[in-house]
């Protein structure tokens, strides 16, 4: 199988300023006083088409930064990143929504952001609306009238049903009530079991990852410290990082 995600000696450094005024000044003047945080430190790994890989790490380990670089939200200071295929990221589920647009209009808006044609979105629309299960009386109302849970459900429904080639999940399975959580977990399993769909699952929950991932990567302080079959990686994370 070919590689669909590849990191080669990737480093990401964030500049930290004492306040918003200094941060704004730093945009125009490079000598503005700041400190630096190395969020990702010389990380290399590759993921092949069809693999299901978990990324473990405590808060601040670099997990979210890696995901942001994969999805193109931010870019490395050093190193190379290759990503091939349609990426669906179950991260900030409501990002990209226009609060004045209806739920239905936001399906098309999110689809366009993800590079999907209107014809394809039209074909997927009934499945998305059925999966979100927010009620026919709401789908044509402005999203600003939705509860946070309803917006998250619609966001998950869109991202999980666009036939992704690469699916990224960042503990988004905590969406909604228990019934909907189980529905989301089942959907992720269905996607993973499809031929050649690649999964990247970022989590603290080793048992959940072990249920549908075959490999695990462990991060600590921005460095990749372990890359192994899922059971070995989960055990390493519990012992070396969580110190259980």
Protein backbone atom coordinates (compact mmCIF):
# COMPACT_ATOMS: atom_id res chain seq x y z
CA UNK A 1 0.00 0.00 0.00
CA UNK A 2 1.21 3.51 -0.77
CA UNK A 3 1.88 6.12 1.90
CA UNK A 4 -0.91 8.69 2.25
CA UNK A 5 0.55 10.63 5.20
CA UNK A 6 4.27 11.18 5.67
CA UNK A 7 6.14 13.41 8.13
CA UNK A 8 9.87 13.89 7.58
CA UNK A 9 11.75 15.57 10.44
CA UNK A 10 8.87 17.95 11.11
CA UNK A 11 9.24 20.72 13.68
CA UNK A 12 6.65 23.31 14.62
CA UNK A 13 7.52 26.28 16.84
CA UNK A 14 4.95 28.71 18.23
CA UNK A 15 5.84 32.24 19.30
CA UNK A 16 4.24 33.16 22.64
CA UNK A 17 3.64 36.82 23.47
CA UNK A 18 2.75 38.36 26.84
CA UNK A 19 -0.56 39.82 25.58
CA UNK A 20 -2.67 40.53 22.48
CA UNK A 21 -1.03 43.91 21.88
CA UNK A 22 2.43 42.31 21.75
CA UNK A 23 1.08 39.54 19.50
CA UNK A 24 -0.25 42.11 17.02
CA UNK A 25 3.04 44.00 17.14
CA UNK A 26 4.88 40.74 16.48
CA UNK A 27 3.15 40.39 13.12
CA UNK A 28 4.96 43.49 11.87
CA UNK A 29 8.15 43.58 13.94
CA UNK A 30 10.27 40.42 14.21
CA UNK A 31 12.22 41.73 17.21
CA UNK A 32 9.07 41.94 19.39
CA UNK A 33 9.80 40.24 22.72
CA UNK A 34 8.44 36.70 22.90
CA UNK A 35 9.21 33.18 24.04
CA UNK A 36 9.15 30.09 21.84
CA UNK A 37 7.36 26.79 22.36
CA UNK A 38 8.46 23.78 20.31
CA UNK A 39 5.10 22.01 19.94
CA UNK A 40 6.43 19.32 17.58
CA UNK A 41 10.11 18.39 17.70
CA UNK A 42 11.73 16.58 14.74
CA UNK A 43 8.88 14.09 14.24
CA UNK A 44 8.98 11.48 11.46
CA UNK A 45 6.41 8.81 10.63
CA UNK A 46 4.39 7.50 7.70
CA UNK A 47 0.91 6.02 7.44
CA UNK A 48 -0.14 3.76 4.60
CA UNK A 49 -3.46 3.70 2.82
CA UNK A 50 -6.00 1.71 4.82
CA UNK A 51 -4.14 1.78 8.14
CA UNK A 52 -5.93 2.62 11.40
CA UNK A 53 -3.48 4.44 13.65
CA UNK A 54 -3.93 5.91 17.14
CA UNK A 55 -1.90 8.85 18.39
CA UNK A 56 -1.51 8.93 22.17
CA UNK A 57 -0.20 11.81 24.26
CA UNK A 58 -1.06 14.01 27.21
CA UNK A 59 -2.22 17.60 26.68
CA UNK A 60 0.66 19.57 25.22
CA UNK A 61 2.32 16.53 23.66
CA UNK A 62 1.85 17.88 20.13
CA UNK A 63 -1.17 15.84 19.00
CA UNK A 64 -3.39 18.75 17.97
CA UNK A 65 -0.53 20.51 16.21
CA UNK A 66 0.16 17.40 14.13
CA UNK A 67 -3.51 17.24 13.15
CA UNK A 68 -3.56 20.93 12.24
CA UNK A 69 -0.55 20.41 9.97
CA UNK A 70 -2.15 17.37 8.30
CA UNK A 71 -5.34 19.36 7.60
CA UNK A 72 -3.43 22.45 6.43
CA UNK A 73 -4.55 24.74 9.24
CA UNK A 74 -0.92 25.44 10.11
CA UNK A 75 2.47 24.63 8.60
CA UNK A 76 5.80 23.36 9.91
CA UNK A 77 8.83 25.55 10.52
CA UNK A 78 11.07 22.73 9.35
CA UNK A 79 10.63 19.37 7.65
CA UNK A 80 8.28 18.00 4.98
CA UNK A 81 4.67 16.78 5.13
CA UNK A 82 2.88 14.78 2.44
CA UNK A 83 -0.88 14.14 2.53
CA UNK A 84 -2.72 12.41 -0.33
CA UNK A 85 -6.50 11.92 -0.45
CA UNK A 86 -9.73 13.55 0.71
CA UNK A 87 -9.36 14.36 4.40
CA UNK A 88 -12.34 14.50 6.75
CA UNK A 89 -11.43 15.79 10.20
CA UNK A 90 -13.75 15.23 13.18
CA UNK A 91 -11.99 17.91 15.21
CA UNK A 92 -13.74 21.23 15.76
CA UNK A 93 -17.04 19.95 14.42
CA UNK A 94 -18.76 23.32 14.11
CA UNK A 95 -15.90 25.23 12.46
CA UNK A 96 -16.84 26.66 9.09
CA UNK A 97 -20.54 27.04 9.91
CA UNK A 98 -22.20 30.36 9.08
CA UNK A 99 -24.63 31.09 11.96
CA UNK A 100 -27.00 32.97 9.65
CA UNK A 101 -27.26 30.06 7.20
CA UNK A 102 -29.71 27.23 7.79
CA UNK A 103 -28.52 23.75 8.64
CA UNK A 104 -29.19 22.64 5.07
CA UNK A 105 -27.27 25.62 3.62
CA UNK A 106 -24.36 24.87 5.95
CA UNK A 107 -24.19 21.31 4.58
CA UNK A 108 -23.44 22.81 1.17
CA UNK A 109 -21.09 25.43 2.62
CA UNK A 110 -19.04 22.81 4.52
CA UNK A 111 -19.03 20.58 1.46
CA UNK A 112 -17.64 23.38 -0.69
CA UNK A 113 -14.96 24.10 1.93
CA UNK A 114 -14.00 20.42 1.76
CA UNK A 115 -13.78 20.60 -2.03
CA UNK A 116 -16.89 18.57 -2.83
CA UNK A 117 -19.06 19.38 -5.85
CA UNK A 118 -22.64 20.53 -5.33
CA UNK A 119 -23.90 17.48 -7.23
CA UNK A 120 -22.11 15.14 -4.82
CA UNK A 121 -23.32 17.12 -1.79
CA UNK A 122 -26.87 16.92 -3.12
CA UNK A 123 -26.56 13.14 -3.28
CA UNK A 124 -25.21 12.98 0.29
CA UNK A 125 -27.67 15.50 1.77
CA UNK A 126 -30.45 13.03 2.79
CA UNK A 127 -27.93 10.73 4.52
CA UNK A 128 -26.36 13.64 6.40
CA UNK A 129 -29.71 15.01 7.58
CA UNK A 130 -30.91 11.55 8.64
CA UNK A 131 -27.68 10.86 10.55
CA UNK A 132 -27.67 14.23 12.36
CA UNK A 133 -31.24 13.56 13.55
CA UNK A 134 -31.85 17.15 14.69
CA UNK A 135 -35.43 17.23 13.43
CA UNK A 136 -37.00 18.40 10.18
CA UNK A 137 -38.25 21.56 11.93
CA UNK A 138 -34.64 22.67 12.58
CA UNK A 139 -32.73 21.74 9.41
CA UNK A 140 -34.11 24.81 7.59
CA UNK A 141 -33.64 27.19 10.52
CA UNK A 142 -30.51 29.38 11.03
CA UNK A 143 -27.72 27.55 12.82
CA UNK A 144 -27.56 30.39 15.38
CA UNK A 145 -30.81 28.98 16.78
CA UNK A 146 -29.23 25.54 17.38
CA UNK A 147 -27.94 24.30 20.70
CA UNK A 148 -24.21 23.46 20.83
CA UNK A 149 -25.14 19.76 20.78
CA UNK A 150 -27.25 20.14 17.64
CA UNK A 151 -24.44 21.98 15.85
CA UNK A 152 -21.94 19.29 16.84
CA UNK A 153 -24.29 16.54 15.62
CA UNK A 154 -24.69 18.25 12.24
CA UNK A 155 -20.92 18.79 12.03
CA UNK A 156 -20.21 15.12 12.74
CA UNK A 157 -22.88 14.01 10.27
CA UNK A 158 -21.31 16.08 7.48
CA UNK A 159 -17.71 15.04 8.11
CA UNK A 160 -18.50 11.35 8.65
CA UNK A 161 -20.63 10.97 5.52
CA UNK A 162 -18.56 12.63 2.78
CA UNK A 163 -16.84 9.35 1.83
CA UNK A 164 -13.38 10.36 3.11
CA UNK A 165 -10.15 8.67 2.06
CA UNK A 166 -8.48 9.82 5.29
CA UNK A 167 -10.56 10.17 8.47
CA UNK A 168 -9.12 12.07 11.43
CA UNK A 169 -10.88 11.76 14.78
CA UNK A 170 -9.84 13.86 17.78
CA UNK A 171 -11.97 12.48 20.61
CA UNK A 172 -15.03 13.78 18.76
CA UNK A 173 -16.94 10.68 19.80
CA UNK A 174 -18.00 12.54 22.95
CA UNK A 175 -20.69 14.25 20.86
CA UNK A 176 -24.22 14.35 22.28
CA UNK A 177 -26.04 11.81 24.40
CA UNK A 178 -25.07 8.16 24.92
CA UNK A 179 -27.26 6.95 22.05
CA UNK A 180 -25.64 9.37 19.61
CA UNK A 181 -22.13 8.58 20.91
CA UNK A 182 -22.73 4.91 20.11
CA UNK A 183 -24.07 5.89 16.69
CA UNK A 184 -20.87 7.90 16.05
CA UNK A 185 -18.63 5.05 17.19
CA UNK A 186 -20.50 2.62 14.94
CA UNK A 187 -20.11 5.03 12.01
CA UNK A 188 -16.36 5.34 12.56
CA UNK A 189 -16.10 1.55 12.63
CA UNK A 190 -18.03 1.34 9.36
CA UNK A 191 -15.69 3.84 7.73
CA UNK A 192 -12.60 2.05 9.03
CA UNK A 193 -13.88 -1.29 7.73
CA UNK A 194 -14.30 0.13 4.25
CA UNK A 195 -11.49 -0.90 1.96
CA UNK A 196 -8.56 1.53 1.85
CA UNK A 197 -9.98 4.20 4.22
CA UNK A 198 -7.20 5.50 6.47
CA UNK A 199 -7.96 6.38 10.10
CA UNK A 200 -5.96 8.63 12.42
CA UNK A 201 -7.46 8.56 15.92
CA UNK A 202 -6.15 10.97 18.55
CA UNK A 203 -7.17 10.07 22.08
CA UNK A 204 -6.38 9.50 25.74
CA UNK A 205 -8.72 6.49 25.77
CA UNK A 206 -6.44 3.52 25.07
CA UNK A 207 -9.26 0.96 25.27
CA UNK A 208 -11.35 2.75 22.63
CA UNK A 209 -8.32 3.01 20.34
CA UNK A 210 -7.51 -0.66 20.83
CA UNK A 211 -11.01 -1.57 19.64
CA UNK A 212 -10.44 -0.38 16.07
CA UNK A 213 -6.79 0.69 15.59
CA UNK A 214 -3.96 -1.64 14.62
CA UNK A 215 -1.03 0.64 15.39
CA UNK A 216 -0.18 3.32 17.94
CA UNK A 217 2.15 6.33 18.02
CA UNK A 218 3.10 7.80 21.40
CA UNK A 219 4.08 11.47 21.77
CA UNK A 220 5.71 13.13 24.76
CA UNK A 221 6.74 16.81 24.96
CA UNK A 222 6.49 17.15 21.18
CA UNK A 223 8.67 14.11 20.42
CA UNK A 224 7.67 10.75 19.00
CA UNK A 225 8.87 8.24 21.60
CA UNK A 226 7.20 5.02 20.43
CA UNK A 227 5.62 3.57 17.28
CA UNK A 228 4.37 -0.01 17.51
CA UNK A 229 1.36 -2.36 17.24
CA UNK A 230 -1.61 -0.90 19.12
CA UNK A 231 -1.46 -3.08 22.25
CA UNK A 232 2.24 -2.39 22.77
CA UNK A 233 1.80 1.34 22.14
CA UNK A 234 -1.16 1.56 24.54
CA UNK A 235 0.82 -0.20 27.26
CA UNK A 236 3.82 2.09 26.69
CA UNK A 237 1.55 5.15 26.93
CA UNK A 238 0.01 3.97 30.18
CA UNK A 239 3.37 3.12 31.76
CA UNK A 240 5.77 5.74 30.42
CA UNK A 241 3.49 8.75 29.91
CA UNK A 242 0.59 8.31 32.31
CA UNK A 243 2.84 6.45 34.79
CA UNK A 244 0.07 4.01 35.73
